[in-house]
Amino acid sequence: MNIETKQQQLETTMRLAPVIPVVIIEDAKHAVPMARALVAGGIPAIEVTLRTPAALDAIRAIAAEVEGAVIGVGTVLSAKDLHAAEQAGARFAVSPGISPNLLEAADDSALPLLPGVATASEAMSLLERGYRNLKFFPAVPAGGAKLLGAWASPLPQIRFCPTGGISLTTAPDFLCLPNVLCVGGSWLTPSDKLKNGGWAEIEQLAREAALLKGVIGR
């Protein structure tokens, strides 16, 4: 599969909802009810990060059991991570940054990769390789909506998913920008709600996030 086809798939995923939840799963048994709550609330694209031993099992469970979920994997750092995610049933992958080895692995993988950038130079380097959908990370510490908005004119070909330090309150600052398709956020799946089975509360958080579609600038 060529880079353009993978970029088209990734853009479709990014346009599904204004927020892609960034989820840290400590217990794989929480994965399916959590994902069902997010989908019911209008948030189908879900990023489960590879930060815990339970992550791949959680991805497998969601891919197999949750209708309507578009499951992705986050914190992809290596070719091994990318391969494991693909085998688990992930439909997209997200990395905090870029490396030559990871980009080579992505070229050989059918899994669309959303690589992270924090500078215009990184974004330009990826654009040269055919990447026009990027993660801006860490969004708030790296310069926030003002910096990202400043890139819209000189880098009009690129669309971003800013992630890192964003909340329901600040998400509109990013979503109104012409070069933003969605944002990534961890606020939809708080650790206490996951631990205590607060699926109704997670569904409500998803519904609130889904309403942000009205402020999207593109």
C-alpha atoms as a PDB file:
ATOM      1  CA  MET A   1       0.000   0.000   0.000  1.00  0.00           C
ATOM      2  CA  ASN A   2       1.505   3.344  -1.019  1.00  0.00           C
ATOM      3  CA  ILE A   3       1.894   6.382   1.215  1.00  0.00           C
ATOM      4  CA  GLU A   4      -0.916   8.317  -0.483  1.00  0.00           C
ATOM      5  CA  THR A   5      -3.453   5.561   0.123  1.00  0.00           C
ATOM      6  CA  LYS A   6      -2.400   5.310   3.770  1.00  0.00           C
ATOM      7  CA  GLN A   7      -2.642   9.085   4.141  1.00  0.00           C
ATOM      8  CA  GLN A   8      -6.166   9.034   2.723  1.00  0.00           C
ATOM      9  CA  GLN A   9      -7.143   6.344   5.223  1.00  0.00           C
ATOM     10  CA  LEU A  10      -5.606   8.339   8.049  1.00  0.00           C
ATOM     11  CA  GLU A  11      -7.417  11.517   7.042  1.00  0.00           C
ATOM     12  CA  THR A  12     -10.718   9.638   7.003  1.00  0.00           C
ATOM     13  CA  THR A  13     -10.019   8.443  10.546  1.00  0.00           C
ATOM     14  CA  MET A  14      -9.057  11.928  11.722  1.00  0.00           C
ATOM     15  CA  ARG A  15     -12.319  13.340  10.351  1.00  0.00           C
ATOM     16  CA  LEU A  16     -14.542  10.827  12.179  1.00  0.00           C
ATOM     17  CA  ALA A  17     -14.851  13.023  15.287  1.00  0.00           C
ATOM     18  CA  PRO A  18     -13.251  16.154  16.729  1.00  0.00           C
ATOM     19  CA  VAL A  19     -11.342  14.206  19.403  1.00  0.00           C
ATOM     20  CA  ILE A  20      -9.270  11.027  19.369  1.00  0.00           C
ATOM     21  CA  PRO A  21      -9.078   9.772  22.971  1.00  0.00           C
ATOM     22  CA  VAL A  22      -5.575   8.895  24.138  1.00  0.00           C
ATOM     23  CA  VAL A  23      -6.079   5.941  26.477  1.00  0.00           C
ATOM     24  CA  ILE A  24      -3.777   4.246  28.976  1.00  0.00           C
ATOM     25  CA  ILE A  25      -5.197   0.796  29.775  1.00  0.00           C
ATOM     26  CA  GLU A  26      -3.956  -0.877  32.939  1.00  0.00           C
ATOM     27  CA  ASP A  27      -6.395  -3.803  32.783  1.00  0.00           C
ATOM     28  CA  ALA A  28      -7.413  -5.315  29.441  1.00  0.00           C
ATOM     29  CA  LYS A  29     -10.846  -6.287  30.786  1.00  0.00           C
ATOM     30  CA  HIS A  30     -11.739  -2.574  30.831  1.00  0.00           C
ATOM     31  CA  ALA A  31     -11.019  -2.144  27.123  1.00  0.00           C
ATOM     32  CA  VAL A  32     -14.291  -3.339  25.595  1.00  0.00           C
ATOM     33  CA  PRO A  33     -16.757  -1.504  27.889  1.00  0.00           C
ATOM     34  CA  MET A  34     -14.618   1.627  27.651  1.00  0.00           C
ATOM     35  CA  ALA A  35     -14.578   1.516  23.847  1.00  0.00           C
ATOM     36  CA  ARG A  36     -18.318   0.822  23.691  1.00  0.00           C
ATOM     37  CA  ALA A  37     -18.954   3.872  25.874  1.00  0.00           C
ATOM     38  CA  LEU A  38     -16.813   6.080  23.627  1.00  0.00           C
ATOM     39  CA  VAL A  39     -18.498   4.846  20.447  1.00  0.00           C
ATOM     40  CA  ALA A  40     -21.945   5.315  22.000  1.00  0.00           C
ATOM     41  CA  GLY A  41     -20.978   8.885  22.819  1.00  0.00           C
ATOM     42  CA  GLY A  42     -19.971   9.614  19.232  1.00  0.00           C
ATOM     43  CA  ILE A  43     -16.213   9.088  19.442  1.00  0.00           C
ATOM     44  CA  PRO A  44     -15.273   6.068  17.274  1.00  0.00           C
ATOM     45  CA  ALA A  45     -11.511   6.542  16.722  1.00  0.00           C
ATOM     46  CA  ILE A  46      -9.589   5.453  19.837  1.00  0.00           C
ATOM     47  CA  GLU A  47      -5.852   5.467  20.495  1.00  0.00           C
ATOM     48  CA  VAL A  48      -4.649   2.912  23.051  1.00  0.00           C
ATOM     49  CA  THR A  49      -1.073   3.705  24.007  1.00  0.00           C
ATOM     50  CA  LEU A  50       1.686   1.128  24.339  1.00  0.00           C
ATOM     51  CA  ARG A  51       2.524   2.298  27.851  1.00  0.00           C
ATOM     52  CA  THR A  52       1.298  -0.742  29.752  1.00  0.00           C
ATOM     53  CA  PRO A  53       1.596  -4.527  29.376  1.00  0.00           C
ATOM     54  CA  ALA A  54      -2.178  -4.696  28.816  1.00  0.00           C
ATOM     55  CA  ALA A  55      -2.203  -2.466  25.736  1.00  0.00           C
ATOM     56  CA  LEU A  56      -1.950  -5.053  22.962  1.00  0.00           C
ATOM     57  CA  ASP A  57      -4.537  -7.326  24.582  1.00  0.00           C
ATOM     58  CA  ALA A  58      -6.834  -4.313  24.877  1.00  0.00           C
ATOM     59  CA  ILE A  59      -6.385  -3.499  21.186  1.00  0.00           C
ATOM     60  CA  ARG A  60      -7.128  -7.105  20.208  1.00  0.00           C
ATOM     61  CA  ALA A  61     -10.298  -7.124  22.288  1.00  0.00           C
ATOM     62  CA  ILE A  62     -11.602  -3.827  20.932  1.00  0.00           C
ATOM     63  CA  ALA A  63     -10.819  -4.811  17.335  1.00  0.00           C
ATOM     64  CA  ALA A  64     -12.686  -8.090  17.762  1.00  0.00           C
ATOM     65  CA  GLU A  65     -15.640  -7.071  19.901  1.00  0.00           C
ATOM     66  CA  VAL A  66     -16.558  -3.383  19.537  1.00  0.00           C
ATOM     67  CA  GLU A  67     -18.652  -2.601  16.493  1.00  0.00           C
ATOM     68  CA  GLY A  68     -18.041   0.883  15.143  1.00  0.00           C
ATOM     69  CA  ALA A  69     -14.687   1.371  16.863  1.00  0.00           C
ATOM     70  CA  VAL A  70     -11.662   2.379  14.796  1.00  0.00           C
ATOM     71  CA  ILE A  71      -8.886   1.237  17.069  1.00  0.00           C
ATOM     72  CA  GLY A  72      -5.421   2.719  16.886  1.00  0.00           C
ATOM     73  CA  VAL A  73      -2.197   2.296  18.792  1.00  0.00           C
ATOM     74  CA  GLY A  74      -0.172   5.095  20.348  1.00  0.00           C
ATOM     75  CA  THR A  75       3.356   5.555  21.679  1.00  0.00           C
ATOM     76  CA  VAL A  76       4.758   3.585  18.742  1.00  0.00           C
ATOM     77  CA  LEU A  77       8.543   3.892  18.996  1.00  0.00           C
ATOM     78  CA  SER A  78       9.970   1.107  16.841  1.00  0.00           C
ATOM     79  CA  ALA A  79       9.422  -1.281  13.976  1.00  0.00           C
ATOM     80  CA  LYS A  80       8.627  -3.961  16.573  1.00  0.00           C
ATOM     81  CA  ASP A  81       5.853  -1.802  18.032  1.00  0.00           C
ATOM     82  CA  LEU A  82       4.397  -1.145  14.590  1.00  0.00           C
ATOM     83  CA  HIS A  83       4.387  -4.829  13.665  1.00  0.00           C
ATOM     84  CA  ALA A  84       2.834  -5.857  16.992  1.00  0.00           C
ATOM     85  CA  ALA A  85       0.102  -3.239  16.596  1.00  0.00           C
ATOM     86  CA  GLU A  86      -0.733  -4.427  13.104  1.00  0.00           C
ATOM     87  CA  GLN A  87      -0.915  -8.034  14.274  1.00  0.00           C
ATOM     88  CA  ALA A  88      -3.211  -7.019  17.143  1.00  0.00           C
ATOM     89  CA  GLY A  89      -5.726  -5.489  14.760  1.00  0.00           C
ATOM     90  CA  ALA A  90      -4.940  -1.778  15.018  1.00  0.00           C
ATOM     91  CA  ARG A  91      -6.105   0.335  12.095  1.00  0.00           C
ATOM     92  CA  PHE A  92      -3.776   3.273  12.602  1.00  0.00           C
ATOM     93  CA  ALA A  93      -0.619   4.036  14.576  1.00  0.00           C
ATOM     94  CA  VAL A  94       0.589   7.171  16.344  1.00  0.00           C
ATOM     95  CA  SER A  95       4.126   8.067  17.390  1.00  0.00           C
ATOM     96  CA  PRO A  96       5.353  10.910  19.640  1.00  0.00           C
ATOM     97  CA  GLY A  97       8.156  11.742  17.197  1.00  0.00           C
ATOM     98  CA  ILE A  98      10.049  10.341  14.248  1.00  0.00           C
ATOM     99  CA  SER A  99      13.142   8.243  13.646  1.00  0.00           C
ATOM    100  CA  PRO A 100      14.692   6.857  10.457  1.00  0.00           C
ATOM    101  CA  ASN A 101      14.047   3.248  11.508  1.00  0.00           C
ATOM    102  CA  LEU A 102      10.399   3.893  12.340  1.00  0.00           C
ATOM    103  CA  LEU A 103       9.793   5.666   9.037  1.00  0.00           C
ATOM    104  CA  GLU A 104      11.397   2.772   7.141  1.00  0.00           C
ATOM    105  CA  ALA A 105       9.169   0.333   8.997  1.00  0.00           C
ATOM    106  CA  ALA A 106       6.122   2.470   8.209  1.00  0.00           C
ATOM    107  CA  ASP A 107       7.010   2.366   4.516  1.00  0.00           C
ATOM    108  CA  ASP A 108       6.831  -1.434   4.643  1.00  0.00           C
ATOM    109  CA  SER A 109       3.685  -1.616   6.789  1.00  0.00           C
ATOM    110  CA  ALA A 110       0.053  -1.461   5.718  1.00  0.00           C
ATOM    111  CA  LEU A 111      -0.722   0.443   8.927  1.00  0.00           C
ATOM    112  CA  PRO A 112      -1.131   4.223   8.441  1.00  0.00           C
ATOM    113  CA  LEU A 113       1.235   6.142  10.728  1.00  0.00           C
ATOM    114  CA  LEU A 114       0.485   9.528  12.314  1.00  0.00           C
ATOM    115  CA  PRO A 115       3.976  10.739  13.290  1.00  0.00           C
ATOM    116  CA  GLY A 116       4.578  13.432  15.872  1.00  0.00           C
ATOM    117  CA  VAL A 117       6.347  16.729  15.191  1.00  0.00           C
ATOM    118  CA  ALA A 118       7.159  19.767  17.301  1.00  0.00           C
ATOM    119  CA  THR A 119       8.883  21.985  14.727  1.00  0.00           C
ATOM    120  CA  ALA A 120       8.288  23.258  11.211  1.00  0.00           C
ATOM    121  CA  SER A 121      11.503  21.564  10.061  1.00  0.00           C
ATOM    122  CA  GLU A 122      10.238  18.162  11.209  1.00  0.00           C
ATOM    123  CA  ALA A 123       6.931  18.804   9.457  1.00  0.00           C
ATOM    124  CA  MET A 124       8.710  19.762   6.222  1.00  0.00           C
ATOM    125  CA  SER A 125      10.892  16.637   6.350  1.00  0.00           C
ATOM    126  CA  LEU A 126       7.833  14.431   6.671  1.00  0.00           C
ATOM    127  CA  LEU A 127       5.995  16.307   3.942  1.00  0.00           C
ATOM    128  CA  GLU A 128       8.877  15.457   1.607  1.00  0.00           C
ATOM    129  CA  ARG A 129       8.208  11.771   2.357  1.00  0.00           C
ATOM    130  CA  GLY A 130       4.507  12.125   1.537  1.00  0.00           C
ATOM    131  CA  TYR A 131       3.109  12.674   5.043  1.00  0.00           C
ATOM    132  CA  ARG A 132       0.447  15.377   5.013  1.00  0.00           C
ATOM    133  CA  ASN A 133      -1.313  14.342   8.244  1.00  0.00           C
ATOM    134  CA  LEU A 134       0.768  14.836  11.382  1.00  0.00           C
ATOM    135  CA  LYS A 135       0.490  14.879  15.150  1.00  0.00           C
ATOM    136  CA  PHE A 136       1.606  18.138  16.806  1.00  0.00           C
ATOM    137  CA  PHE A 137       3.151  17.020  20.081  1.00  0.00           C
ATOM    138  CA  PRO A 138       3.387  18.050  22.849  1.00  0.00           C
ATOM    139  CA  ALA A 139       0.892  20.641  21.665  1.00  0.00           C
ATOM    140  CA  VAL A 140       0.648  23.019  24.614  1.00  0.00           C
ATOM    141  CA  PRO A 141       4.294  22.927  25.796  1.00  0.00           C
ATOM    142  CA  ALA A 142       5.562  23.154  22.199  1.00  0.00           C
ATOM    143  CA  GLY A 143       3.791  26.444  21.502  1.00  0.00           C
ATOM    144  CA  GLY A 144       0.071  25.800  21.553  1.00  0.00           C
ATOM    145  CA  ALA A 145      -2.546  27.021  19.138  1.00  0.00           C
ATOM    146  CA  LYS A 146      -0.618  30.191  18.271  1.00  0.00           C
ATOM    147  CA  LEU A 147       2.361  28.266  16.936  1.00  0.00           C
ATOM    148  CA  LEU A 148       0.229  25.743  15.081  1.00  0.00           C
ATOM    149  CA  GLY A 149      -1.883  28.489  13.558  1.00  0.00           C
ATOM    150  CA  ALA A 150       1.264  30.242  12.350  1.00  0.00           C
ATOM    151  CA  TRP A 151       2.161  27.160  10.306  1.00  0.00           C
ATOM    152  CA  ALA A 152      -1.121  27.203   8.366  1.00  0.00           C
ATOM    153  CA  SER A 153       0.011  29.713   5.760  1.00  0.00           C
ATOM    154  CA  PRO A 154       3.556  28.458   4.973  1.00  0.00           C
ATOM    155  CA  LEU A 155       2.576  24.771   5.262  1.00  0.00           C
ATOM    156  CA  PRO A 156      -0.934  24.686   3.768  1.00  0.00           C
ATOM    157  CA  GLN A 157      -0.641  21.057   2.623  1.00  0.00           C
ATOM    158  CA  ILE A 158      -0.396  19.673   6.157  1.00  0.00           C
ATOM    159  CA  ARG A 159      -3.223  18.861   8.577  1.00  0.00           C
ATOM    160  CA  PHE A 160      -2.615  18.213  12.251  1.00  0.00           C
ATOM    161  CA  CYS A 161      -3.928  16.379  15.286  1.00  0.00           C
ATOM    162  CA  PRO A 162      -2.523  18.424  18.182  1.00  0.00           C
ATOM    163  CA  THR A 163      -2.078  16.336  21.324  1.00  0.00           C
ATOM    164  CA  GLY A 164      -0.618  17.051  24.750  1.00  0.00           C
ATOM    165  CA  GLY A 165      -2.061  19.261  27.453  1.00  0.00           C
ATOM    166  CA  ILE A 166      -5.409  19.818  25.705  1.00  0.00           C
ATOM    167  CA  SER A 167      -8.723  19.773  27.583  1.00  0.00           C
ATOM    168  CA  LEU A 168     -12.399  20.147  26.713  1.00  0.00           C
ATOM    169  CA  THR A 169     -12.048  23.851  27.505  1.00  0.00           C
ATOM    170  CA  THR A 170      -8.980  24.503  25.350  1.00  0.00           C
ATOM    171  CA  ALA A 171      -9.762  22.125  22.467  1.00  0.00           C
ATOM    172  CA  PRO A 172     -11.773  24.790  20.557  1.00  0.00           C
ATOM    173  CA  ASP A 173      -8.645  26.985  20.385  1.00  0.00           C
ATOM    174  CA  PHE A 174      -7.074  24.287  18.205  1.00  0.00           C
ATOM    175  CA  LEU A 175     -10.133  22.977  16.379  1.00  0.00           C
ATOM    176  CA  CYS A 176     -10.966  26.391  14.940  1.00  0.00           C
ATOM    177  CA  LEU A 177      -7.619  26.494  13.106  1.00  0.00           C
ATOM    178  CA  PRO A 178      -7.720  25.788   9.344  1.00  0.00           C
ATOM    179  CA  ASN A 179      -4.925  23.211   9.574  1.00  0.00           C
ATOM    180  CA  VAL A 180      -6.448  21.077  12.370  1.00  0.00           C
ATOM    181  CA  LEU A 181      -8.672  18.055  11.687  1.00  0.00           C
ATOM    182  CA  CYS A 182      -9.023  16.831  15.269  1.00  0.00           C
ATOM    183  CA  VAL A 183      -7.282  16.883  18.633  1.00  0.00           C
ATOM    184  CA  GLY A 184      -5.974  14.107  20.848  1.00  0.00           C
ATOM    185  CA  GLY A 185      -6.918  14.099  24.504  1.00  0.00           C
ATOM    186  CA  SER A 186      -6.729  11.949  27.605  1.00  0.00           C
ATOM    187  CA  TRP A 187      -9.567  13.681  29.449  1.00  0.00           C
ATOM    188  CA  LEU A 188     -12.256  11.381  27.997  1.00  0.00           C
ATOM    189  CA  THR A 189     -10.962   8.308  29.847  1.00  0.00           C
ATOM    190  CA  PRO A 190      -9.781   9.351  33.324  1.00  0.00           C
ATOM    191  CA  SER A 191      -7.918   6.638  35.218  1.00  0.00           C
ATOM    192  CA  ASP A 192     -10.416   6.628  38.072  1.00  0.00           C
ATOM    193  CA  LYS A 193     -13.342   6.068  35.687  1.00  0.00           C
ATOM    194  CA  LEU A 194     -11.511   3.193  34.010  1.00  0.00           C
ATOM    195  CA  LYS A 195     -10.626   1.618  37.336  1.00  0.00           C
ATOM    196  CA  ASN A 196     -14.122   1.970  38.791  1.00  0.00           C
ATOM    197  CA  GLY A 197     -16.111   1.075  35.668  1.00  0.00           C
ATOM    198  CA  GLY A 198     -17.540   4.534  35.148  1.00  0.00           C
ATOM    199  CA  TRP A 199     -18.733   3.755  31.635  1.00  0.00           C
ATOM    200  CA  ALA A 200     -21.754   6.068  31.777  1.00  0.00           C
ATOM    201  CA  GLU A 201     -19.496   8.942  32.791  1.00  0.00           C
ATOM    202  CA  ILE A 202     -17.081   8.137  29.952  1.00  0.00           C
ATOM    203  CA  GLU A 203     -19.973   8.069  27.494  1.00  0.00           C
ATOM    204  CA  GLN A 204     -21.048  11.506  28.740  1.00  0.00           C
ATOM    205  CA  LEU A 205     -17.500  12.850  28.330  1.00  0.00           C
ATOM    206  CA  ALA A 206     -17.528  11.473  24.793  1.00  0.00           C
ATOM    207  CA  ARG A 207     -20.843  13.185  24.032  1.00  0.00           C
ATOM    208  CA  GLU A 208     -19.433  16.510  25.229  1.00  0.00           C
ATOM    209  CA  ALA A 209     -16.348  16.008  23.071  1.00  0.00           C
ATOM    210  CA  ALA A 210     -18.430  15.076  20.018  1.00  0.00           C
ATOM    211  CA  LEU A 211     -20.217  18.427  20.268  1.00  0.00           C
ATOM    212  CA  LEU A 212     -16.900  20.151  19.531  1.00  0.00           C
ATOM    213  CA  LYS A 213     -17.533  19.347  15.881  1.00  0.00           C
ATOM    214  CA  GLY A 214     -19.356  22.651  15.691  1.00  0.00           C
ATOM    215  CA  VAL A 215     -16.149  24.666  16.180  1.00  0.00           C
ATOM    216  CA  ILE A 216     -13.963  22.841  13.648  1.00  0.00           C
ATOM    217  CA  GLY A 217     -12.470  25.381  11.260  1.00  0.00           C
ATOM    218  CA  ARG A 218     -11.734  23.196   8.230  1.00  0.00           C
END
